[in-house]
ModelCIF file with pLDDT and N, C-alpha, C, O atoms, coordinates in Angstrom:
data_MODEL
#
_entry.id   MODEL 
#
_entity.id                         1 
_entity.type                       polymer 
_entity.pdbx_number_of_molecules   1 
#
_entity_poly.entity_id                      1 
_entity_poly.type                           'polypeptide(L)' 
_entity_poly.nstd_linkage                   no 
_entity_poly.nstd_monomer                   no 
_entity_poly.pdbx_seq_one_letter_code       
;(UNK)(UNK)(UNK)(UNK)(UNK)(UNK)(UNK)(UNK)(UNK)(UNK)(UNK)(UNK)(UNK)(UNK)(UNK)(UNK)
(UNK)(UNK)(UNK)(UNK)(UNK)(UNK)(UNK)(UNK)(UNK)(UNK)(UNK)(UNK)(UNK)(UNK)(UNK)(UNK)
(UNK)(UNK)(UNK)(UNK)
;
_entity_poly.pdbx_seq_one_letter_code_can   XXXXXXXXXXXXXXXXXXXXXXXXXXXXXXXXXXXX 
_entity_poly.pdbx_strand_id                 A 
#
loop_
_entity_poly_seq.entity_id 
_entity_poly_seq.num 
_entity_poly_seq.mon_id 
_entity_poly_seq.hetero 
1 1  UNK n 
1 2  UNK n 
1 3  UNK n 
1 4  UNK n 
1 5  UNK n 
1 6  UNK n 
1 7  UNK n 
1 8  UNK n 
1 9  UNK n 
1 10 UNK n 
1 11 UNK n 
1 12 UNK n 
1 13 UNK n 
1 14 UNK n 
1 15 UNK n 
1 16 UNK n 
1 17 UNK n 
1 18 UNK n 
1 19 UNK n 
1 20 UNK n 
1 21 UNK n 
1 22 UNK n 
1 23 UNK n 
1 24 UNK n 
1 25 UNK n 
1 26 UNK n 
1 27 UNK n 
1 28 UNK n 
1 29 UNK n 
1 30 UNK n 
1 31 UNK n 
1 32 UNK n 
1 33 UNK n 
1 34 UNK n 
1 35 UNK n 
1 36 UNK n 
#
_struct_asym.id          A 
_struct_asym.entity_id   1 
#
loop_
_ma_qa_metric.id 
_ma_qa_metric.mode 
_ma_qa_metric.name 
_ma_qa_metric.software_group_id 
_ma_qa_metric.type 
1 global pLDDT . pLDDT 
2 local  pLDDT . pLDDT 
#
_ma_qa_metric_global.metric_id      1 
_ma_qa_metric_global.metric_value   72.89 
_ma_qa_metric_global.model_id       1 
_ma_qa_metric_global.ordinal_id     1 
#
loop_
_ma_qa_metric_local.label_asym_id 
_ma_qa_metric_local.label_comp_id 
_ma_qa_metric_local.label_seq_id 
_ma_qa_metric_local.metric_id 
_ma_qa_metric_local.metric_value 
_ma_qa_metric_local.model_id 
_ma_qa_metric_local.ordinal_id 
A UNK 1  2 70.00 1 1  
A UNK 2  2 65.00 1 2  
A UNK 3  2 71.00 1 3  
A UNK 4  2 73.00 1 4  
A UNK 5  2 74.00 1 5  
A UNK 6  2 77.00 1 6  
A UNK 7  2 76.00 1 7  
A UNK 8  2 76.00 1 8  
A UNK 9  2 72.00 1 9  
A UNK 10 2 72.00 1 10 
A UNK 11 2 68.00 1 11 
A UNK 12 2 65.00 1 12 
A UNK 13 2 67.00 1 13 
A UNK 14 2 64.00 1 14 
A UNK 15 2 62.00 1 15 
A UNK 16 2 67.00 1 16 
A UNK 17 2 75.00 1 17 
A UNK 18 2 84.00 1 18 
A UNK 19 2 90.00 1 19 
A UNK 20 2 91.00 1 20 
A UNK 21 2 91.00 1 21 
A UNK 22 2 87.00 1 22 
A UNK 23 2 90.00 1 23 
A UNK 24 2 86.00 1 24 
A UNK 25 2 87.00 1 25 
A UNK 26 2 81.00 1 26 
A UNK 27 2 76.00 1 27 
A UNK 28 2 70.00 1 28 
A UNK 29 2 69.00 1 29 
A UNK 30 2 64.00 1 30 
A UNK 31 2 61.00 1 31 
A UNK 32 2 62.00 1 32 
A UNK 33 2 60.00 1 33 
A UNK 34 2 56.00 1 34 
A UNK 35 2 59.00 1 35 
A UNK 36 2 66.00 1 36 
#
loop_
_atom_site.group_PDB 
_atom_site.id 
_atom_site.type_symbol 
_atom_site.label_atom_id 
_atom_site.label_alt_id 
_atom_site.label_comp_id 
_atom_site.label_asym_id 
_atom_site.label_entity_id 
_atom_site.label_seq_id 
_atom_site.pdbx_PDB_ins_code 
_atom_site.Cartn_x 
_atom_site.Cartn_y 
_atom_site.Cartn_z 
_atom_site.occupancy 
_atom_site.B_iso_or_equiv 
_atom_site.pdbx_formal_charge 
_atom_site.auth_seq_id 
_atom_site.auth_comp_id 
_atom_site.auth_asym_id 
_atom_site.auth_atom_id 
_atom_site.pdbx_PDB_model_num 
ATOM 1   N N  . UNK A 1 1  ? 0.837   -1.198 0.000  1.00 70.00 ? 1  UNK A N  1 
ATOM 2   C CA . UNK A 1 1  ? 0.000   0.000  0.000  1.00 70.00 ? 1  UNK A CA 1 
ATOM 3   C C  . UNK A 1 1  ? 0.873   1.251  0.000  1.00 70.00 ? 1  UNK A C  1 
ATOM 4   O O  . UNK A 1 1  ? 0.396   2.356  0.256  1.00 70.00 ? 1  UNK A O  1 
ATOM 5   N N  . UNK A 1 2  ? 2.138   1.064  -0.286 1.00 65.00 ? 2  UNK A N  1 
ATOM 6   C CA . UNK A 1 2  ? 3.185   2.073  -0.169 1.00 65.00 ? 2  UNK A CA 1 
ATOM 7   C C  . UNK A 1 2  ? 2.780   3.514  -0.292 1.00 65.00 ? 2  UNK A C  1 
ATOM 8   O O  . UNK A 1 2  ? 2.816   4.250  0.694  1.00 65.00 ? 2  UNK A O  1 
ATOM 9   N N  . UNK A 1 3  ? 2.382   3.953  -1.510 1.00 71.00 ? 3  UNK A N  1 
ATOM 10  C CA . UNK A 1 3  ? 2.051   5.355  -1.723 1.00 71.00 ? 3  UNK A CA 1 
ATOM 11  C C  . UNK A 1 3  ? 0.896   5.812  -0.876 1.00 71.00 ? 3  UNK A C  1 
ATOM 12  O O  . UNK A 1 3  ? 0.912   6.913  -0.327 1.00 71.00 ? 3  UNK A O  1 
ATOM 13  N N  . UNK A 1 4  ? -0.118  4.961  -0.765 1.00 73.00 ? 4  UNK A N  1 
ATOM 14  C CA . UNK A 1 4  ? -1.282  5.302  0.043  1.00 73.00 ? 4  UNK A CA 1 
ATOM 15  C C  . UNK A 1 4  ? -0.897  5.411  1.517  1.00 73.00 ? 4  UNK A C  1 
ATOM 16  O O  . UNK A 1 4  ? -1.345  6.322  2.213  1.00 73.00 ? 4  UNK A O  1 
ATOM 17  N N  . UNK A 1 5  ? -0.067  4.481  1.991  1.00 74.00 ? 5  UNK A N  1 
ATOM 18  C CA . UNK A 1 5  ? 0.349   4.502  3.395  1.00 74.00 ? 5  UNK A CA 1 
ATOM 19  C C  . UNK A 1 5  ? 1.132   5.758  3.708  1.00 74.00 ? 5  UNK A C  1 
ATOM 20  O O  . UNK A 1 5  ? 0.894   6.410  4.725  1.00 74.00 ? 5  UNK A O  1 
ATOM 21  N N  . UNK A 1 6  ? 2.065   6.098  2.836  1.00 77.00 ? 6  UNK A N  1 
ATOM 22  C CA . UNK A 1 6  ? 2.889   7.291  3.061  1.00 77.00 ? 6  UNK A CA 1 
ATOM 23  C C  . UNK A 1 6  ? 2.038   8.549  3.083  1.00 77.00 ? 6  UNK A C  1 
ATOM 24  O O  . UNK A 1 6  ? 2.206   9.405  3.951  1.00 77.00 ? 6  UNK A O  1 
ATOM 25  N N  . UNK A 1 7  ? 1.128   8.658  2.130  1.00 76.00 ? 7  UNK A N  1 
ATOM 26  C CA . UNK A 1 7  ? 0.255   9.821  2.077  1.00 76.00 ? 7  UNK A CA 1 
ATOM 27  C C  . UNK A 1 7  ? -0.636  9.891  3.307  1.00 76.00 ? 7  UNK A C  1 
ATOM 28  O O  . UNK A 1 7  ? -0.871  10.967 3.858  1.00 76.00 ? 7  UNK A O  1 
ATOM 29  N N  . UNK A 1 8  ? -1.131  8.730  3.731  1.00 76.00 ? 8  UNK A N  1 
ATOM 30  C CA . UNK A 1 8  ? -2.010  8.681  4.894  1.00 76.00 ? 8  UNK A CA 1 
ATOM 31  C C  . UNK A 1 8  ? -1.267  9.137  6.152  1.00 76.00 ? 8  UNK A C  1 
ATOM 32  O O  . UNK A 1 8  ? -1.808  9.894  6.958  1.00 76.00 ? 8  UNK A O  1 
ATOM 33  N N  . UNK A 1 9  ? -0.026  8.670  6.314  1.00 72.00 ? 9  UNK A N  1 
ATOM 34  C CA . UNK A 1 9  ? 0.744   9.005  7.502  1.00 72.00 ? 9  UNK A CA 1 
ATOM 35  C C  . UNK A 1 9  ? 1.018   10.500 7.576  1.00 72.00 ? 9  UNK A C  1 
ATOM 36  O O  . UNK A 1 9  ? 1.080   11.071 8.665  1.00 72.00 ? 9  UNK A O  1 
ATOM 37  N N  . UNK A 1 10 ? 1.180   11.123 6.435  1.00 72.00 ? 10 UNK A N  1 
ATOM 38  C CA . UNK A 1 10 ? 1.537   12.542 6.400  1.00 72.00 ? 10 UNK A CA 1 
ATOM 39  C C  . UNK A 1 10 ? 0.370   13.458 6.037  1.00 72.00 ? 10 UNK A C  1 
ATOM 40  O O  . UNK A 1 10 ? 0.548   14.660 5.840  1.00 72.00 ? 10 UNK A O  1 
ATOM 41  N N  . UNK A 1 11 ? -0.818  12.878 5.951  1.00 68.00 ? 11 UNK A N  1 
ATOM 42  C CA . UNK A 1 11 ? -1.964  13.671 5.490  1.00 68.00 ? 11 UNK A CA 1 
ATOM 43  C C  . UNK A 1 11 ? -2.429  14.643 6.558  1.00 68.00 ? 11 UNK A C  1 
ATOM 44  O O  . UNK A 1 11 ? -2.277  14.413 7.758  1.00 68.00 ? 11 UNK A O  1 
ATOM 45  N N  . UNK A 1 12 ? -2.994  15.719 6.085  1.00 65.00 ? 12 UNK A N  1 
ATOM 46  C CA . UNK A 1 12 ? -3.626  16.696 6.974  1.00 65.00 ? 12 UNK A CA 1 
ATOM 47  C C  . UNK A 1 12 ? -5.133  16.600 6.774  1.00 65.00 ? 12 UNK A C  1 
ATOM 48  O O  . UNK A 1 12 ? -5.604  16.392 5.656  1.00 65.00 ? 12 UNK A O  1 
ATOM 49  N N  . UNK A 1 13 ? -5.869  16.748 7.830  1.00 67.00 ? 13 UNK A N  1 
ATOM 50  C CA . UNK A 1 13 ? -7.319  16.634 7.738  1.00 67.00 ? 13 UNK A CA 1 
ATOM 51  C C  . UNK A 1 13 ? -7.938  18.022 7.571  1.00 67.00 ? 13 UNK A C  1 
ATOM 52  O O  . UNK A 1 13 ? -7.801  18.886 8.437  1.00 67.00 ? 13 UNK A O  1 
ATOM 53  N N  . UNK A 1 14 ? -8.607  18.212 6.466  1.00 64.00 ? 14 UNK A N  1 
ATOM 54  C CA . UNK A 1 14 ? -9.347  19.459 6.265  1.00 64.00 ? 14 UNK A CA 1 
ATOM 55  C C  . UNK A 1 14 ? -10.789 19.117 5.901  1.00 64.00 ? 14 UNK A C  1 
ATOM 56  O O  . UNK A 1 14 ? -11.108 17.964 5.608  1.00 64.00 ? 14 UNK A O  1 
ATOM 57  N N  . UNK A 1 15 ? -11.611 20.078 5.921  1.00 62.00 ? 15 UNK A N  1 
ATOM 58  C CA . UNK A 1 15 ? -13.038 19.845 5.664  1.00 62.00 ? 15 UNK A CA 1 
ATOM 59  C C  . UNK A 1 15 ? -13.514 20.626 4.439  1.00 62.00 ? 15 UNK A C  1 
ATOM 60  O O  . UNK A 1 15 ? -14.661 21.069 4.381  1.00 62.00 ? 15 UNK A O  1 
ATOM 61  N N  . UNK A 1 16 ? -12.618 20.789 3.461  1.00 67.00 ? 16 UNK A N  1 
ATOM 62  C CA . UNK A 1 16 ? -12.986 21.559 2.277  1.00 67.00 ? 16 UNK A CA 1 
ATOM 63  C C  . UNK A 1 16 ? -13.917 20.789 1.354  1.00 67.00 ? 16 UNK A C  1 
ATOM 64  O O  . UNK A 1 16 ? -14.669 21.390 0.587  1.00 67.00 ? 16 UNK A O  1 
ATOM 65  N N  . UNK A 1 17 ? -13.872 19.463 1.424  1.00 75.00 ? 17 UNK A N  1 
ATOM 66  C CA . UNK A 1 17 ? -14.753 18.649 0.582  1.00 75.00 ? 17 UNK A CA 1 
ATOM 67  C C  . UNK A 1 17 ? -16.023 18.291 1.340  1.00 75.00 ? 17 UNK A C  1 
ATOM 68  O O  . UNK A 1 17 ? -16.074 18.363 2.568  1.00 75.00 ? 17 UNK A O  1 
ATOM 69  N N  . UNK A 1 18 ? -17.018 17.917 0.606  1.00 84.00 ? 18 UNK A N  1 
ATOM 70  C CA . UNK A 1 18 ? -18.277 17.488 1.223  1.00 84.00 ? 18 UNK A CA 1 
ATOM 71  C C  . UNK A 1 18 ? -18.375 15.969 1.159  1.00 84.00 ? 18 UNK A C  1 
ATOM 72  O O  . UNK A 1 18 ? -17.916 15.346 0.202  1.00 84.00 ? 18 UNK A O  1 
ATOM 73  N N  . UNK A 1 19 ? -18.981 15.380 2.191  1.00 90.00 ? 19 UNK A N  1 
ATOM 74  C CA . UNK A 1 19 ? -19.074 13.923 2.296  1.00 90.00 ? 19 UNK A CA 1 
ATOM 75  C C  . UNK A 1 19 ? -20.483 13.548 2.726  1.00 90.00 ? 19 UNK A C  1 
ATOM 76  O O  . UNK A 1 19 ? -21.198 14.309 3.378  1.00 90.00 ? 19 UNK A O  1 
ATOM 77  N N  . UNK A 1 20 ? -20.844 12.332 2.326  1.00 91.00 ? 20 UNK A N  1 
ATOM 78  C CA . UNK A 1 20 ? -22.152 11.830 2.754  1.00 91.00 ? 20 UNK A CA 1 
ATOM 79  C C  . UNK A 1 20 ? -22.144 11.477 4.245  1.00 91.00 ? 20 UNK A C  1 
ATOM 80  O O  . UNK A 1 20 ? -23.108 11.730 4.968  1.00 91.00 ? 20 UNK A O  1 
ATOM 81  N N  . UNK A 1 21 ? -21.020 10.883 4.685  1.00 91.00 ? 21 UNK A N  1 
ATOM 82  C CA . UNK A 1 21 ? -20.895 10.506 6.085  1.00 91.00 ? 21 UNK A CA 1 
ATOM 83  C C  . UNK A 1 21 ? -19.437 10.676 6.515  1.00 91.00 ? 21 UNK A C  1 
ATOM 84  O O  . UNK A 1 21 ? -18.512 10.505 5.721  1.00 91.00 ? 21 UNK A O  1 
ATOM 85  N N  . UNK A 1 22 ? -19.259 11.017 7.789  1.00 87.00 ? 22 UNK A N  1 
ATOM 86  C CA . UNK A 1 22 ? -17.915 11.120 8.362  1.00 87.00 ? 22 UNK A CA 1 
ATOM 87  C C  . UNK A 1 22 ? -17.840 10.238 9.600  1.00 87.00 ? 22 UNK A C  1 
ATOM 88  O O  . UNK A 1 22 ? -18.710 10.274 10.470 1.00 87.00 ? 22 UNK A O  1 
ATOM 89  N N  . UNK A 1 23 ? -16.769 9.442  9.654  1.00 90.00 ? 23 UNK A N  1 
ATOM 90  C CA . UNK A 1 23 ? -16.534 8.558  10.793 1.00 90.00 ? 23 UNK A CA 1 
ATOM 91  C C  . UNK A 1 23 ? -15.190 8.912  11.434 1.00 90.00 ? 23 UNK A C  1 
ATOM 92  O O  . UNK A 1 23 ? -14.328 9.544  10.824 1.00 90.00 ? 23 UNK A O  1 
ATOM 93  N N  . UNK A 1 24 ? -15.051 8.482  12.677 1.00 86.00 ? 24 UNK A N  1 
ATOM 94  C CA . UNK A 1 24 ? -13.822 8.769  13.421 1.00 86.00 ? 24 UNK A CA 1 
ATOM 95  C C  . UNK A 1 24 ? -13.289 7.475  14.034 1.00 86.00 ? 24 UNK A C  1 
ATOM 96  O O  . UNK A 1 24 ? -14.052 6.662  14.556 1.00 86.00 ? 24 UNK A O  1 
ATOM 97  N N  . UNK A 1 25 ? -11.987 7.299  13.965 1.00 87.00 ? 25 UNK A N  1 
ATOM 98  C CA . UNK A 1 25 ? -11.329 6.159  14.613 1.00 87.00 ? 25 UNK A CA 1 
ATOM 99  C C  . UNK A 1 25 ? -10.384 6.731  15.666 1.00 87.00 ? 25 UNK A C  1 
ATOM 100 O O  . UNK A 1 25 ? -9.416  7.421  15.345 1.00 87.00 ? 25 UNK A O  1 
ATOM 101 N N  . UNK A 1 26 ? -10.684 6.428  16.936 1.00 81.00 ? 26 UNK A N  1 
ATOM 102 C CA . UNK A 1 26 ? -9.861  6.893  18.055 1.00 81.00 ? 26 UNK A CA 1 
ATOM 103 C C  . UNK A 1 26 ? -9.347  5.666  18.798 1.00 81.00 ? 26 UNK A C  1 
ATOM 104 O O  . UNK A 1 26 ? -10.101 4.998  19.505 1.00 81.00 ? 26 UNK A O  1 
ATOM 105 N N  . UNK A 1 27 ? -8.083  5.379  18.634 1.00 76.00 ? 27 UNK A N  1 
ATOM 106 C CA . UNK A 1 27 ? -7.508  4.138  19.159 1.00 76.00 ? 27 UNK A CA 1 
ATOM 107 C C  . UNK A 1 27 ? -7.491  4.076  20.684 1.00 76.00 ? 27 UNK A C  1 
ATOM 108 O O  . UNK A 1 27 ? -7.420  2.986  21.253 1.00 76.00 ? 27 UNK A O  1 
ATOM 109 N N  . UNK A 1 28 ? -7.555  5.232  21.358 1.00 70.00 ? 28 UNK A N  1 
ATOM 110 C CA . UNK A 1 28 ? -7.450  5.228  22.815 1.00 70.00 ? 28 UNK A CA 1 
ATOM 111 C C  . UNK A 1 28 ? -8.754  4.859  23.506 1.00 70.00 ? 28 UNK A C  1 
ATOM 112 O O  . UNK A 1 28 ? -8.776  4.693  24.725 1.00 70.00 ? 28 UNK A O  1 
ATOM 113 N N  . UNK A 1 29 ? -9.841  4.729  22.752 1.00 69.00 ? 29 UNK A N  1 
ATOM 114 C CA . UNK A 1 29 ? -11.131 4.440  23.368 1.00 69.00 ? 29 UNK A CA 1 
ATOM 115 C C  . UNK A 1 29 ? -11.143 3.021  23.926 1.00 69.00 ? 29 UNK A C  1 
ATOM 116 O O  . UNK A 1 29 ? -10.550 2.110  23.347 1.00 69.00 ? 29 UNK A O  1 
ATOM 117 N N  . UNK A 1 30 ? -11.834 2.842  25.071 1.00 64.00 ? 30 UNK A N  1 
ATOM 118 C CA . UNK A 1 30 ? -11.912 1.524  25.687 1.00 64.00 ? 30 UNK A CA 1 
ATOM 119 C C  . UNK A 1 30 ? -13.012 0.662  25.090 1.00 64.00 ? 30 UNK A C  1 
ATOM 120 O O  . UNK A 1 30 ? -12.900 -0.564 25.083 1.00 64.00 ? 30 UNK A O  1 
ATOM 121 N N  . UNK A 1 31 ? -14.074 1.286  24.588 1.00 61.00 ? 31 UNK A N  1 
ATOM 122 C CA . UNK A 1 31 ? -15.167 0.521  23.981 1.00 61.00 ? 31 UNK A CA 1 
ATOM 123 C C  . UNK A 1 31 ? -15.035 0.554  22.462 1.00 61.00 ? 31 UNK A C  1 
ATOM 124 O O  . UNK A 1 31 ? -14.432 1.474  21.909 1.00 61.00 ? 31 UNK A O  1 
ATOM 125 N N  . UNK A 1 32 ? -15.602 -0.457 21.781 1.00 62.00 ? 32 UNK A N  1 
ATOM 126 C CA . UNK A 1 32 ? -15.464 -0.549 20.330 1.00 62.00 ? 32 UNK A CA 1 
ATOM 127 C C  . UNK A 1 32 ? -16.277 0.500  19.594 1.00 62.00 ? 32 UNK A C  1 
ATOM 128 O O  . UNK A 1 32 ? -15.908 0.924  18.498 1.00 62.00 ? 32 UNK A O  1 
ATOM 129 N N  . UNK A 1 33 ? -17.392 0.922  20.198 1.00 60.00 ? 33 UNK A N  1 
ATOM 130 C CA . UNK A 1 33 ? -18.246 1.914  19.547 1.00 60.00 ? 33 UNK A CA 1 
ATOM 131 C C  . UNK A 1 33 ? -18.575 3.018  20.539 1.00 60.00 ? 33 UNK A C  1 
ATOM 132 O O  . UNK A 1 33 ? -19.057 2.742  21.637 1.00 60.00 ? 33 UNK A O  1 
ATOM 133 N N  . UNK A 1 34 ? -18.322 4.249  20.165 1.00 56.00 ? 34 UNK A N  1 
ATOM 134 C CA . UNK A 1 34 ? -18.696 5.395  20.993 1.00 56.00 ? 34 UNK A CA 1 
ATOM 135 C C  . UNK A 1 34 ? -19.777 6.183  20.261 1.00 56.00 ? 34 UNK A C  1 
ATOM 136 O O  . UNK A 1 34 ? -20.279 5.746  19.225 1.00 56.00 ? 34 UNK A O  1 
ATOM 137 N N  . UNK A 1 35 ? -20.124 7.321  20.792 1.00 59.00 ? 35 UNK A N  1 
ATOM 138 C CA . UNK A 1 35 ? -21.171 8.137  20.169 1.00 59.00 ? 35 UNK A CA 1 
ATOM 139 C C  . UNK A 1 35 ? -20.638 8.861  18.946 1.00 59.00 ? 35 UNK A C  1 
ATOM 140 O O  . UNK A 1 35 ? -19.429 8.949  18.727 1.00 59.00 ? 35 UNK A O  1 
ATOM 141 N N  . UNK A 1 36 ? -21.574 9.380  18.152 1.00 66.00 ? 36 UNK A N  1 
ATOM 142 C CA . UNK A 1 36 ? -21.238 10.258 17.025 1.00 66.00 ? 36 UNK A CA 1 
ATOM 143 C C  . UNK A 1 36 ? -20.334 9.602  15.988 1.00 66.00 ? 36 UNK A C  1 
ATOM 144 O O  . UNK A 1 36 ? -19.977 10.231 14.992 1.00 66.00 ? 36 UNK A O  1 
#
């Protein structure tokens, strides 16, 4: 996944584009599913 992995690691998150749905992955959470 080389190029994709490198870009992902160095990517910045902006909200200039529109999306149907947005999800969040927070590794520090103790439960598998949180709110929102």
